[in-house]
Amino acid sequence: MPISSAADRLGLLPPLRMRWPSQSGEVFLLAGLCLYVLVVGVMPLGRLLIEALRPGEDGQAFGILFDVWQSRAAPRALGNTMIASVGATMVSLLIGGLGAAVLHLTDIRGRTALGFLLLLPMLIPPQISALAWIELTGPSSPLLRLAGLAPPPGTANPLYSMGGIIWVMGLEHAPLVMLATLTSLRALPRDLVEAASVSGARRTAILWRIVLPLARPGLLAGGALAFVAAIGNFGVPALLGIPGRVTVLTTLIYQRLTGFGPSALAQVASLSLVLVLLAAAGLLLRWLLLRRTSYLDRTGQPLDPFALGRFRLPMECVVWLLVLLISVLPLLALIASALVPALGVRLSVATLSLDNFGFLFSNAALRRAFTNSFLLAGAAALISALASFILGYLTTVRRNALARLLDLLADAPYAVPGTVLALGVIMVFLPPLPVFGVSLYGTAWIILVAYLARFLPLALRPVAASYATMDPALDEAGQILGARVPRRLVQLSLPSVLPATIAGALLVFMSAFNELTLSALLWSTGTETLGVMVFFLQYEGNSPAASALATVVVAVTLAVALLLEVTARRFAPSASLL
């Protein structure tokens, strides 16, 4: 019974009289959450909107907005953004859709390993994905030189182009399409497929007339999410577009802000407003498409995979070869580049060197970057996990109306491009803080604020899903027994949702540890992060050191991802990556 269960956890016997606890604890928790969500998330976005729509110097309505878009650079960057994002989305749809079909609809062997390799581009930071492909395809590529396939010295890397941006971003966001498509395929009505099979329909007819039409909304919804991710991508266009003179909106904002400083905030705010509108359009399209999947059977049995028969072995060879080429080979090129002593040196047993890894620990800026990234990511993970633990309880168990509103508002900083959020954070925290009289700009605190706003939803979703599985009668019984909200949280809720809270914290740590977009606009000397250092080492031409640092970052990221997957599969399936 819930009352006896609650009494056991609380160490209490049921009281002789019902007494209701004070609500002061709940009010205090709500006040803290309001401060968190409104100050670090909502205020920066609201301040950005006000700045973007500010009148011009002559008092003209929306003058700043008109002035920015009358220049040549902004429309050209918008055009490049649309071309790159649409092209990358097409690549993502092709690779992600085919990956989902192979994993779910066929009896191909090794599906777990294939699924992990297809998810690998999503786990690797954008700037490192771009760097890995640079080291694979350029004239100084250790692997291509080893195979005698490298372009002649002095040849421009083919990825320094619009096509290179489209290709790398498309691969990076393909897992988003694959996961959305897999969700739709797993929810297909099994009885329709079985009825068609019993009636004698061929497999190709079942695929084209039943499976594909029913899964299409999920596929396109994943494509819309890939489009939104491409709109806000900074790492890939920065490493491939800046050398190739292909400017998109995110890199134009970065160049304007780093070139002119805080004086350009009004202009870049107007540029970022277009990013917000494009992202909002993509998310609206995704929502409309997902509404069309409401008829799918979310609880039914999965479809039996189609037997490939004698074609299974050839198909396995082709699929594995393609997956290894797009997921593993770039990482091998990255490692090979880290093991040569200098740029342009041919890889061989005689030239293998660990000097670049030693450089990571001898350089003061890199040591600071390691420390800063660990501390910032760890702090963001702990604070986000604590906030999600409390907010999930108030939203799901207590069904508090204000908490539900905060839950919706918490998604906004994650939905907008990271560049937009970083600009809003600068505008709010550049002036001295009231009472304290100090500015957070130029300190590590402003990066932490941006991380807390950006990554809260990553911790909140698995925790909320775990709360949804709890019996609400347990909390009600604790209330009847006289336990106040903080005590019910710790003794009744924590044992049930702790695994999901840990999984959410790991997800936040993994995302914040290798983040670049926010840090690129917020860092200063002394607050460097690993994402920033990878970018600048490559930008300065020190590719071997950049590759060594990227290799270490990838190793840490994959280790955290493995720990997250083990934790999620055992205790919190809603946070599982596969």
Protein backbone atom coordinates (compact mmCIF):
# COMPACT_ATOMS: atom_id res chain seq x y z
CA MET A 1 0.00 0.00 0.00
CA PRO A 2 1.31 3.52 -0.75
CA ILE A 3 0.90 4.78 2.84
CA SER A 4 2.85 1.90 4.35
CA SER A 5 5.49 2.22 1.62
CA ALA A 6 5.82 5.95 2.29
CA ALA A 7 5.97 5.32 6.02
CA ASP A 8 8.77 2.80 5.55
CA ARG A 9 10.82 5.26 3.49
CA LEU A 10 10.14 8.15 5.85
CA GLY A 11 10.73 6.08 8.94
CA LEU A 12 7.30 7.07 10.30
CA LEU A 13 4.17 5.39 11.48
CA PRO A 14 0.84 6.70 10.17
CA PRO A 15 -0.33 9.53 12.44
CA LEU A 16 -3.53 9.27 14.37
CA ARG A 17 -4.79 12.49 12.77
CA MET A 18 -4.36 13.77 9.23
CA ARG A 19 -2.30 16.96 9.21
CA TRP A 20 -1.29 18.92 6.12
CA PRO A 21 2.20 20.31 5.86
CA SER A 22 3.06 23.88 5.12
CA GLN A 23 3.55 24.81 1.46
CA SER A 24 6.48 27.12 2.22
CA GLY A 25 8.99 24.55 0.97
CA GLU A 26 7.26 24.27 -2.38
CA VAL A 27 7.05 28.05 -2.73
CA PHE A 28 10.75 28.38 -1.94
CA LEU A 29 11.66 25.77 -4.56
CA LEU A 30 9.45 27.47 -7.16
CA ALA A 31 11.07 30.82 -6.45
CA GLY A 32 14.52 29.35 -7.02
CA LEU A 33 13.45 27.71 -10.27
CA CYS A 34 11.87 30.94 -11.49
CA LEU A 35 15.13 32.75 -10.82
CA TYR A 36 17.05 30.05 -12.69
CA VAL A 37 14.87 29.80 -15.79
CA LEU A 38 13.96 33.48 -16.15
CA VAL A 39 17.37 35.00 -15.46
CA VAL A 40 19.66 32.62 -17.36
CA GLY A 41 17.27 31.62 -20.16
CA VAL A 42 14.34 33.92 -20.79
CA MET A 43 15.94 37.30 -20.07
CA PRO A 44 18.81 36.88 -22.59
CA LEU A 45 16.42 35.95 -25.40
CA GLY A 46 14.03 38.79 -24.53
CA ARG A 47 16.91 41.28 -24.35
CA LEU A 48 18.15 40.11 -27.73
CA LEU A 49 14.74 40.60 -29.31
CA ILE A 50 14.47 44.13 -27.93
CA GLU A 51 17.94 45.02 -29.20
CA ALA A 52 17.28 43.57 -32.66
CA LEU A 53 14.08 45.62 -33.09
CA ARG A 54 15.51 48.85 -31.72
CA PRO A 55 14.91 52.07 -33.71
CA GLY A 56 17.74 53.46 -35.78
CA GLU A 57 19.79 56.54 -35.02
CA ASP A 58 17.26 58.74 -36.82
CA GLY A 59 14.36 57.22 -34.89
CA GLN A 60 13.16 55.01 -37.74
CA ALA A 61 11.19 52.01 -36.52
CA PHE A 62 13.26 48.82 -36.76
CA GLY A 63 16.10 50.99 -38.06
CA ILE A 64 18.90 48.68 -36.89
CA LEU A 65 17.23 45.74 -38.63
CA PHE A 66 16.87 47.63 -41.92
CA ASP A 67 20.43 48.99 -41.80
CA VAL A 68 21.98 45.56 -41.33
CA TRP A 69 20.07 43.91 -44.15
CA GLN A 70 20.80 46.70 -46.62
CA SER A 71 24.45 45.65 -46.68
CA ARG A 72 25.74 43.00 -49.09
CA ALA A 73 27.24 40.72 -46.45
CA ALA A 74 24.02 39.85 -44.60
CA PRO A 75 21.89 38.77 -47.62
CA ARG A 76 24.81 36.79 -49.01
CA ALA A 77 25.31 35.04 -45.67
CA LEU A 78 21.57 34.30 -45.48
CA GLY A 79 21.64 32.78 -48.97
CA ASN A 80 24.65 30.64 -48.08
CA THR A 81 22.93 29.57 -44.85
CA MET A 82 19.86 28.40 -46.73
CA ILE A 83 21.87 26.56 -49.39
CA ALA A 84 24.09 24.84 -46.81
CA SER A 85 21.20 23.94 -44.49
CA VAL A 86 18.89 22.60 -47.19
CA GLY A 87 21.73 20.68 -48.84
CA ALA A 88 22.88 19.21 -45.53
CA THR A 89 19.29 18.23 -44.72
CA MET A 90 19.05 16.32 -48.00
CA VAL A 91 22.23 14.41 -47.10
CA SER A 92 20.87 13.72 -43.62
CA LEU A 93 17.56 12.47 -44.99
CA LEU A 94 19.29 10.08 -47.37
CA ILE A 95 21.80 8.63 -44.90
CA GLY A 96 19.55 8.73 -41.82
CA GLY A 97 16.54 7.26 -43.63
CA LEU A 98 18.53 4.45 -45.19
CA GLY A 99 20.27 3.76 -41.87
CA ALA A 100 16.94 3.44 -40.05
CA ALA A 101 15.53 1.17 -42.76
CA VAL A 102 18.56 -1.13 -42.69
CA LEU A 103 18.59 -1.35 -38.89
CA HIS A 104 14.87 -1.94 -38.39
CA LEU A 105 13.49 -3.52 -41.55
CA THR A 106 16.19 -6.03 -42.47
CA ASP A 107 17.79 -9.04 -40.77
CA ILE A 108 21.28 -7.65 -41.25
CA ARG A 109 23.72 -8.89 -38.61
CA GLY A 110 25.56 -6.70 -36.12
CA ARG A 111 22.78 -4.11 -35.85
CA THR A 112 23.88 -2.86 -32.42
CA ALA A 113 27.38 -2.09 -33.64
CA LEU A 114 26.03 -0.55 -36.83
CA GLY A 115 23.65 1.61 -34.83
CA PHE A 116 26.49 2.89 -32.66
CA LEU A 117 28.67 3.72 -35.67
CA LEU A 118 25.79 5.53 -37.37
CA LEU A 119 25.27 7.56 -34.17
CA LEU A 120 28.99 8.32 -33.88
CA PRO A 121 28.93 11.57 -35.93
CA MET A 122 26.33 13.00 -33.54
CA LEU A 123 28.50 12.24 -30.51
CA ILE A 124 31.54 14.01 -31.94
CA PRO A 125 31.64 17.84 -31.68
CA PRO A 126 31.08 19.68 -35.01
CA GLN A 127 34.50 21.31 -35.04
CA ILE A 128 36.18 17.93 -34.51
CA SER A 129 34.09 16.31 -37.25
CA ALA A 130 35.20 19.06 -39.62
CA LEU A 131 38.83 18.69 -38.50
CA ALA A 132 38.71 14.91 -38.99
CA TRP A 133 37.45 15.30 -42.56
CA ILE A 134 40.08 17.96 -43.25
CA GLU A 135 42.80 15.55 -42.15
CA LEU A 136 41.28 12.80 -44.30
CA THR A 137 40.93 14.69 -47.59
CA GLY A 138 43.67 17.33 -47.71
CA PRO A 139 47.04 17.14 -49.51
CA SER A 140 48.80 16.63 -46.16
CA SER A 141 46.48 13.78 -45.12
CA PRO A 142 48.67 11.08 -43.49
CA LEU A 143 46.33 8.28 -44.61
CA LEU A 144 46.08 9.46 -48.23
CA ARG A 145 49.85 9.98 -48.43
CA LEU A 146 50.40 6.52 -46.97
CA ALA A 147 48.15 5.08 -49.69
CA GLY A 148 49.65 7.28 -52.41
CA LEU A 149 46.31 8.98 -53.07
CA ALA A 150 46.98 12.44 -51.63
CA PRO A 151 46.44 15.48 -53.89
CA PRO A 152 49.58 17.34 -54.98
CA PRO A 153 51.14 19.66 -52.36
CA GLY A 154 49.67 23.13 -52.47
CA THR A 155 46.29 21.88 -53.69
CA ALA A 156 43.35 23.42 -51.85
CA ASN A 157 41.41 21.04 -49.67
CA PRO A 158 38.15 20.24 -51.52
CA LEU A 159 36.21 20.52 -48.26
CA TYR A 160 36.95 24.25 -48.02
CA SER A 161 33.81 24.91 -50.02
CA MET A 162 30.02 24.93 -49.87
CA GLY A 163 30.01 21.26 -50.87
CA GLY A 164 32.31 20.38 -47.99
CA ILE A 165 30.08 22.20 -45.49
CA ILE A 166 26.99 20.42 -46.85
CA TRP A 167 28.66 17.01 -46.71
CA VAL A 168 30.05 17.23 -43.17
CA MET A 169 26.94 18.87 -41.68
CA GLY A 170 24.76 16.32 -43.45
CA LEU A 171 26.71 13.44 -41.90
CA GLU A 172 26.70 15.06 -38.48
CA HIS A 173 22.91 15.52 -38.40
CA ALA A 174 21.98 12.23 -40.10
CA PRO A 175 21.59 10.50 -36.69
CA LEU A 176 18.76 12.94 -35.86
CA VAL A 177 16.87 11.72 -38.93
CA MET A 178 17.72 8.10 -38.17
CA LEU A 179 16.44 8.29 -34.59
CA ALA A 180 13.20 10.01 -35.62
CA THR A 181 12.63 7.49 -38.39
CA LEU A 182 13.35 4.55 -36.09
CA THR A 183 10.72 5.88 -33.69
CA SER A 184 8.13 5.87 -36.48
CA LEU A 185 9.14 2.45 -37.77
CA ARG A 186 8.93 0.92 -34.30
CA ALA A 187 5.38 2.25 -33.94
CA LEU A 188 4.03 1.01 -37.29
CA PRO A 189 0.79 -1.02 -36.97
CA ARG A 190 1.98 -4.59 -37.27
CA ASP A 191 -1.43 -5.90 -38.29
CA LEU A 192 -1.39 -3.89 -41.53
CA VAL A 193 1.92 -5.39 -42.60
CA GLU A 194 0.86 -8.90 -41.61
CA ALA A 195 -2.45 -8.54 -43.46
CA ALA A 196 -0.66 -7.40 -46.61
CA SER A 197 1.81 -10.26 -46.32
CA VAL A 198 -0.96 -12.84 -45.83
CA SER A 199 -2.83 -11.49 -48.85
CA GLY A 200 0.22 -12.18 -51.01
CA ALA A 201 1.71 -8.70 -51.37
CA ARG A 202 5.38 -8.66 -52.32
CA ARG A 203 7.90 -7.14 -49.94
CA THR A 204 8.65 -4.24 -52.26
CA ALA A 205 4.94 -3.40 -52.44
CA ILE A 206 4.63 -3.56 -48.64
CA LEU A 207 7.60 -1.22 -48.28
CA TRP A 208 6.42 1.35 -50.82
CA ARG A 209 2.68 1.27 -50.17
CA ILE A 210 2.47 0.69 -46.40
CA VAL A 211 5.75 1.17 -44.54
CA LEU A 212 7.10 4.25 -46.35
CA PRO A 213 3.84 6.31 -46.33
CA LEU A 214 3.30 5.63 -42.62
CA ALA A 215 6.92 6.36 -41.70
CA ARG A 216 7.22 9.42 -43.95
CA PRO A 217 6.00 11.98 -41.35
CA GLY A 218 8.61 10.76 -38.85
CA LEU A 219 11.30 10.85 -41.52
CA LEU A 220 10.41 14.40 -42.52
CA ALA A 221 10.15 15.48 -38.88
CA GLY A 222 13.71 14.25 -38.40
CA GLY A 223 14.67 16.21 -41.51
CA ALA A 224 13.12 19.35 -40.03
CA LEU A 225 15.18 18.83 -36.87
CA ALA A 226 18.32 18.33 -38.97
CA PHE A 227 17.52 21.60 -40.78
CA VAL A 228 17.22 23.46 -37.47
CA ALA A 229 20.53 21.97 -36.31
CA ALA A 230 22.21 22.99 -39.58
CA ILE A 231 20.87 26.55 -39.31
CA GLY A 232 22.61 27.02 -35.96
CA ASN A 233 25.78 25.02 -36.69
CA PHE A 234 28.94 27.04 -36.12
CA GLY A 235 31.80 24.55 -35.84
CA VAL A 236 31.60 23.11 -39.36
CA PRO A 237 31.12 26.43 -41.25
CA ALA A 238 33.86 28.00 -39.11
CA LEU A 239 36.52 25.39 -39.94
CA LEU A 240 35.47 24.80 -43.54
CA GLY A 241 33.75 28.01 -44.58
CA ILE A 242 36.11 30.69 -43.27
CA PRO A 243 39.17 29.29 -45.15
CA GLY A 244 36.95 28.70 -48.21
CA ARG A 245 35.42 32.21 -48.04
CA VAL A 246 31.91 30.80 -47.60
CA THR A 247 30.19 32.93 -44.97
CA VAL A 248 26.97 31.83 -43.28
CA LEU A 249 25.00 33.72 -40.64
CA THR A 250 26.65 32.04 -37.64
CA THR A 251 30.17 32.79 -38.88
CA LEU A 252 29.20 36.33 -39.93
CA ILE A 253 27.93 37.00 -36.39
CA TYR A 254 31.18 35.60 -34.98
CA GLN A 255 33.33 37.70 -37.30
CA ARG A 256 31.37 40.90 -36.61
CA LEU A 257 31.46 40.41 -32.84
CA THR A 258 35.15 39.46 -32.66
CA GLY A 259 36.06 42.27 -35.06
CA PHE A 260 34.07 45.12 -33.52
CA GLY A 261 33.40 43.87 -29.98
CA PRO A 262 30.37 44.89 -27.90
CA SER A 263 29.77 47.92 -30.15
CA ALA A 264 28.41 45.54 -32.80
CA LEU A 265 25.86 43.91 -30.50
CA ALA A 266 22.86 45.68 -32.06
CA GLN A 267 23.88 44.64 -35.57
CA VAL A 268 24.57 41.00 -34.72
CA ALA A 269 21.32 40.87 -32.74
CA SER A 270 19.47 41.76 -35.95
CA LEU A 271 21.36 39.04 -37.80
CA SER A 272 20.54 36.50 -35.12
CA LEU A 273 16.84 37.33 -35.30
CA VAL A 274 16.74 35.72 -38.73
CA LEU A 275 18.33 32.57 -37.27
CA VAL A 276 15.58 32.47 -34.65
CA LEU A 277 12.86 32.81 -37.31
CA LEU A 278 14.38 30.06 -39.45
CA ALA A 279 14.74 27.74 -36.45
CA ALA A 280 11.16 28.49 -35.38
CA ALA A 281 9.89 27.64 -38.87
CA GLY A 282 11.75 24.32 -38.79
CA LEU A 283 10.45 23.43 -35.34
CA LEU A 284 6.88 24.36 -36.35
CA LEU A 285 7.16 22.11 -39.40
CA ARG A 286 8.46 19.30 -37.20
CA TRP A 287 5.51 19.73 -34.81
CA LEU A 288 3.01 19.63 -37.66
CA LEU A 289 4.61 16.49 -39.07
CA LEU A 290 4.69 14.74 -35.71
CA ARG A 291 0.96 15.40 -35.30
CA ARG A 292 0.44 13.19 -38.34
CA THR A 293 2.04 10.25 -36.53
CA SER A 294 -0.51 10.24 -33.71
CA TYR A 295 -2.23 7.23 -35.26
CA LEU A 296 0.83 5.02 -34.89
CA ASP A 297 0.78 2.22 -32.34
CA ARG A 298 3.34 3.28 -29.72
CA THR A 299 2.84 0.13 -27.64
CA GLY A 300 2.52 -2.54 -30.32
CA GLN A 301 4.92 -5.32 -31.18
CA PRO A 302 7.80 -4.42 -33.52
CA LEU A 303 7.71 -5.57 -37.11
CA ASP A 304 9.50 -8.75 -38.03
CA PRO A 305 12.53 -7.82 -40.16
CA PHE A 306 12.43 -8.72 -43.84
CA ALA A 307 14.75 -11.62 -44.64
CA LEU A 308 17.44 -10.65 -47.14
CA GLY A 309 18.17 -14.25 -48.08
CA ARG A 310 21.09 -14.66 -50.45
CA PHE A 311 21.50 -10.88 -50.65
CA ARG A 312 22.30 -10.54 -46.95
CA LEU A 313 26.07 -11.04 -47.20
CA PRO A 314 26.58 -8.64 -50.15
CA MET A 315 24.38 -6.05 -48.47
CA GLU A 316 26.27 -6.43 -45.19
CA CYS A 317 29.55 -5.85 -47.01
CA VAL A 318 28.26 -2.71 -48.73
CA VAL A 319 26.64 -1.29 -45.58
CA TRP A 320 29.65 -1.94 -43.36
CA LEU A 321 32.01 -0.47 -45.94
CA LEU A 322 29.96 2.72 -46.24
CA VAL A 323 29.54 3.08 -42.47
CA LEU A 324 33.25 2.60 -41.87
CA LEU A 325 34.05 5.18 -44.55
CA ILE A 326 31.79 7.90 -43.14
CA SER A 327 32.17 7.19 -39.39
CA VAL A 328 35.51 5.51 -38.70
CA LEU A 329 37.92 6.56 -41.45
CA PRO A 330 37.84 10.30 -40.57
CA LEU A 331 38.66 9.46 -36.95
CA LEU A 332 41.56 7.27 -38.08
CA ALA A 333 42.82 10.20 -40.15
CA LEU A 334 42.54 12.42 -37.07
CA ILE A 335 44.59 9.99 -34.98
CA ALA A 336 47.15 9.58 -37.75
CA SER A 337 47.57 13.36 -37.99
CA ALA A 338 48.13 13.52 -34.23
CA LEU A 339 50.90 10.91 -34.46
CA VAL A 340 53.10 12.72 -37.00
CA PRO A 341 55.61 15.20 -35.54
CA ALA A 342 54.77 18.06 -37.91
CA LEU A 343 52.42 19.03 -40.70
CA GLY A 344 53.33 17.40 -44.01
CA VAL A 345 55.48 14.60 -42.54
CA ARG A 346 54.70 11.21 -44.06
CA LEU A 347 53.27 8.68 -41.61
CA SER A 348 55.52 5.67 -41.02
CA VAL A 349 56.89 3.60 -38.19
CA ALA A 350 59.97 5.83 -38.10
CA THR A 351 57.96 9.06 -37.88
CA LEU A 352 55.42 7.99 -35.25
CA SER A 353 55.57 10.45 -32.37
CA LEU A 354 53.66 11.35 -29.23
CA ASP A 355 55.13 14.85 -29.10
CA ASN A 356 51.79 16.44 -29.98
CA PHE A 357 50.14 14.78 -26.99
CA GLY A 358 52.99 15.96 -24.79
CA PHE A 359 52.42 19.48 -26.09
CA LEU A 360 48.89 19.36 -24.71
CA PHE A 361 50.21 19.14 -21.16
CA SER A 362 53.20 21.47 -21.55
CA ASN A 363 51.19 24.39 -22.94
CA ALA A 364 49.69 26.59 -20.21
CA ALA A 365 46.65 27.64 -22.28
CA LEU A 366 45.79 24.02 -23.06
CA ARG A 367 46.12 23.01 -19.42
CA ARG A 368 43.77 25.83 -18.52
CA ALA A 369 41.36 24.69 -21.23
CA PHE A 370 41.25 21.17 -19.79
CA THR A 371 40.62 22.52 -16.29
CA ASN A 372 38.02 25.03 -17.45
CA SER A 373 36.11 22.51 -19.55
CA PHE A 374 36.01 19.91 -16.78
CA LEU A 375 34.94 22.42 -14.14
CA LEU A 376 32.36 24.21 -16.31
CA ALA A 377 30.87 20.99 -17.67
CA GLY A 378 30.83 19.42 -14.21
CA ALA A 379 29.19 22.45 -12.61
CA ALA A 380 26.61 22.67 -15.40
CA ALA A 381 25.84 18.96 -15.05
CA LEU A 382 25.37 19.12 -11.26
CA ILE A 383 23.28 22.29 -11.22
CA SER A 384 21.14 21.21 -14.18
CA ALA A 385 20.56 17.80 -12.60
CA LEU A 386 19.47 19.38 -9.31
CA ALA A 387 17.15 21.85 -11.07
CA SER A 388 15.65 19.12 -13.26
CA PHE A 389 15.12 16.87 -10.21
CA ILE A 390 13.07 19.61 -8.50
CA LEU A 391 11.31 20.94 -11.61
CA GLY A 392 10.37 17.45 -12.78
CA TYR A 393 8.81 16.74 -9.38
CA LEU A 394 6.79 19.94 -9.30
CA THR A 395 5.68 19.49 -12.91
CA THR A 396 4.88 15.79 -13.03
CA VAL A 397 4.04 14.81 -9.47
CA ARG A 398 2.71 18.03 -7.97
CA ARG A 399 1.26 19.24 -11.33
CA ASN A 400 2.01 22.83 -10.40
CA ALA A 401 0.84 25.28 -13.10
CA LEU A 402 3.79 27.65 -12.66
CA ALA A 403 6.23 24.74 -12.81
CA ARG A 404 4.65 23.60 -16.07
CA LEU A 405 5.15 27.07 -17.51
CA LEU A 406 8.79 27.03 -16.41
CA ASP A 407 9.16 23.62 -18.06
CA LEU A 408 8.01 25.10 -21.38
CA LEU A 409 10.22 28.18 -21.02
CA ALA A 410 13.26 26.01 -20.25
CA ASP A 411 13.14 24.58 -23.78
CA ALA A 412 13.54 27.99 -25.47
CA PRO A 413 17.34 28.40 -24.98
CA TYR A 414 17.89 24.91 -26.41
CA ALA A 415 15.56 25.45 -29.36
CA VAL A 416 17.29 28.61 -30.62
CA PRO A 417 20.76 28.45 -32.23
CA GLY A 418 23.62 28.62 -29.73
CA THR A 419 24.96 31.81 -31.32
CA VAL A 420 21.67 33.55 -30.54
CA LEU A 421 21.74 32.49 -26.90
CA ALA A 422 25.37 33.59 -26.51
CA LEU A 423 24.54 37.07 -27.82
CA GLY A 424 21.61 37.38 -25.43
CA VAL A 425 23.77 36.32 -22.49
CA ILE A 426 26.36 38.97 -23.42
CA MET A 427 23.69 41.68 -23.55
CA VAL A 428 22.28 40.78 -20.13
CA PHE A 429 25.52 40.13 -18.26
CA LEU A 430 27.83 42.66 -19.91
CA PRO A 431 26.55 45.53 -17.69
CA PRO A 432 27.48 45.32 -13.99
CA LEU A 433 25.13 43.17 -11.96
CA PRO A 434 22.74 45.04 -9.67
CA VAL A 435 23.89 45.22 -6.02
CA PHE A 436 27.21 43.44 -6.77
CA GLY A 437 28.40 46.05 -9.27
CA VAL A 438 30.55 43.59 -11.27
CA SER A 439 30.21 42.34 -14.83
CA LEU A 440 30.34 38.66 -15.70
CA TYR A 441 31.64 39.41 -19.19
CA GLY A 442 35.18 38.14 -19.64
CA THR A 443 34.89 35.62 -16.79
CA ALA A 444 34.16 31.91 -16.67
CA TRP A 445 30.87 32.66 -14.93
CA ILE A 446 29.26 33.96 -18.10
CA ILE A 447 30.11 30.69 -19.88
CA LEU A 448 28.57 28.73 -17.01
CA VAL A 449 25.41 30.85 -17.21
CA ALA A 450 25.11 30.06 -20.93
CA TYR A 451 25.66 26.34 -20.29
CA LEU A 452 22.99 26.33 -17.57
CA ALA A 453 20.48 27.93 -19.93
CA ARG A 454 21.38 25.80 -22.94
CA PHE A 455 21.58 22.32 -21.47
CA LEU A 456 18.84 22.23 -18.81
CA PRO A 457 16.38 20.42 -21.16
CA LEU A 458 18.92 17.62 -21.67
CA ALA A 459 18.79 16.84 -17.96
CA LEU A 460 15.09 17.56 -17.57
CA ARG A 461 13.61 15.19 -20.16
CA PRO A 462 14.88 11.84 -18.76
CA VAL A 463 14.05 12.97 -15.21
CA ALA A 464 10.51 13.99 -16.19
CA ALA A 465 10.04 10.65 -17.97
CA SER A 466 11.17 8.82 -14.84
CA TYR A 467 8.79 10.83 -12.65
CA ALA A 468 5.94 9.93 -15.02
CA THR A 469 6.41 6.24 -14.13
CA MET A 470 6.08 6.88 -10.39
CA ASP A 471 2.86 6.18 -8.55
CA PRO A 472 1.55 9.62 -7.45
CA ALA A 473 -0.13 7.94 -4.49
CA LEU A 474 3.31 7.55 -2.88
CA ASP A 475 3.82 11.31 -2.67
CA GLU A 476 0.22 11.81 -1.53
CA ALA A 477 0.76 9.26 1.23
CA GLY A 478 3.87 11.11 2.33
CA GLN A 479 1.87 14.32 2.45
CA ILE A 480 -0.79 12.64 4.61
CA LEU A 481 1.94 11.40 6.95
CA GLY A 482 3.03 15.00 7.47
CA ALA A 483 6.28 15.04 5.45
CA ARG A 484 7.05 18.39 3.87
CA VAL A 485 8.05 18.82 0.23
CA PRO A 486 11.87 18.75 0.70
CA ARG A 487 11.64 15.59 2.76
CA ARG A 488 9.31 13.90 0.28
CA LEU A 489 11.70 14.85 -2.50
CA VAL A 490 14.73 13.31 -0.80
CA GLN A 491 13.20 10.22 0.81
CA LEU A 492 10.34 9.31 -1.53
CA SER A 493 11.26 10.60 -5.01
CA LEU A 494 15.06 10.48 -5.08
CA PRO A 495 15.41 6.67 -4.87
CA SER A 496 13.14 6.30 -7.92
CA VAL A 497 14.54 9.02 -10.19
CA LEU A 498 18.21 9.03 -9.16
CA PRO A 499 19.34 6.87 -12.12
CA ALA A 500 17.56 9.16 -14.60
CA THR A 501 19.05 12.20 -12.85
CA ILE A 502 22.55 10.74 -13.16
CA ALA A 503 21.93 9.93 -16.83
CA GLY A 504 20.74 13.50 -17.46
CA ALA A 505 23.81 14.90 -15.71
CA LEU A 506 26.10 12.75 -17.86
CA LEU A 507 24.30 13.95 -20.99
CA VAL A 508 24.81 17.58 -19.94
CA PHE A 509 28.48 16.96 -19.12
CA MET A 510 29.10 15.29 -22.48
CA SER A 511 27.46 18.18 -24.36
CA ALA A 512 29.13 20.97 -22.38
CA PHE A 513 32.59 19.41 -22.26
CA ASN A 514 33.20 19.78 -26.00
CA GLU A 515 30.93 22.76 -26.71
CA LEU A 516 32.18 25.48 -29.08
CA THR A 517 29.35 27.75 -30.27
CA LEU A 518 28.67 29.42 -26.92
CA SER A 519 32.30 29.46 -25.83
CA ALA A 520 33.55 30.99 -29.09
CA LEU A 521 31.62 34.19 -28.35
CA LEU A 522 32.03 34.20 -24.56
CA TRP A 523 35.61 33.14 -23.87
CA SER A 524 38.47 35.43 -22.95
CA THR A 525 42.10 34.96 -21.96
CA GLY A 526 42.15 32.62 -19.00
CA THR A 527 38.72 31.10 -19.71
CA GLU A 528 39.59 29.05 -22.79
CA THR A 529 37.68 25.81 -23.31
CA LEU A 530 38.69 22.72 -25.26
CA GLY A 531 36.33 23.49 -28.13
CA VAL A 532 37.85 26.94 -28.52
CA MET A 533 41.42 25.59 -28.41
CA VAL A 534 40.73 22.98 -31.12
CA PHE A 535 39.35 25.74 -33.32
CA PHE A 536 42.26 28.14 -32.78
CA LEU A 537 45.01 25.52 -33.09
CA GLN A 538 43.62 24.55 -36.49
CA TYR A 539 43.05 28.18 -37.45
CA GLU A 540 46.70 28.97 -36.64
CA GLY A 541 47.91 26.09 -38.82
CA ASN A 542 48.99 23.73 -36.03
CA SER A 543 46.97 20.79 -37.35
CA PRO A 544 48.93 18.02 -35.54
CA ALA A 545 48.37 19.63 -32.13
CA ALA A 546 44.72 20.31 -32.98
CA SER A 547 44.31 16.66 -33.98
CA ALA A 548 45.94 15.45 -30.76
CA LEU A 549 43.64 17.62 -28.66
CA ALA A 550 40.63 16.53 -30.70
CA THR A 551 41.59 12.88 -30.20
CA VAL A 552 41.64 13.33 -26.43
CA VAL A 553 38.28 15.14 -26.50
CA VAL A 554 36.73 12.35 -28.59
CA ALA A 555 38.08 9.71 -26.19
CA VAL A 556 36.56 11.49 -23.18
CA THR A 557 33.28 12.06 -25.02
CA LEU A 558 32.95 8.41 -26.04
CA ALA A 559 33.81 7.26 -22.52
CA VAL A 560 31.05 9.46 -21.07
CA ALA A 561 28.66 8.31 -23.82
CA LEU A 562 29.40 4.67 -22.95
CA LEU A 563 28.82 5.35 -19.26
CA LEU A 564 25.57 7.14 -20.12
CA GLU A 565 24.40 4.25 -22.29
CA VAL A 566 25.15 1.66 -19.61
CA THR A 567 23.38 3.74 -16.96
CA ALA A 568 20.41 4.48 -19.20
CA ARG A 569 19.89 0.93 -20.44
CA ARG A 570 19.89 -0.44 -16.92
CA PHE A 571 18.07 2.27 -15.01
CA ALA A 572 16.70 5.06 -17.27
CA PRO A 573 15.74 3.92 -20.81
CA SER A 574 14.43 7.40 -21.70
CA ALA A 575 18.02 8.70 -21.72
CA SER A 576 19.42 5.88 -23.86
CA LEU A 577 21.23 6.93 -27.03
CA LEU A 578 20.45 3.69 -28.89
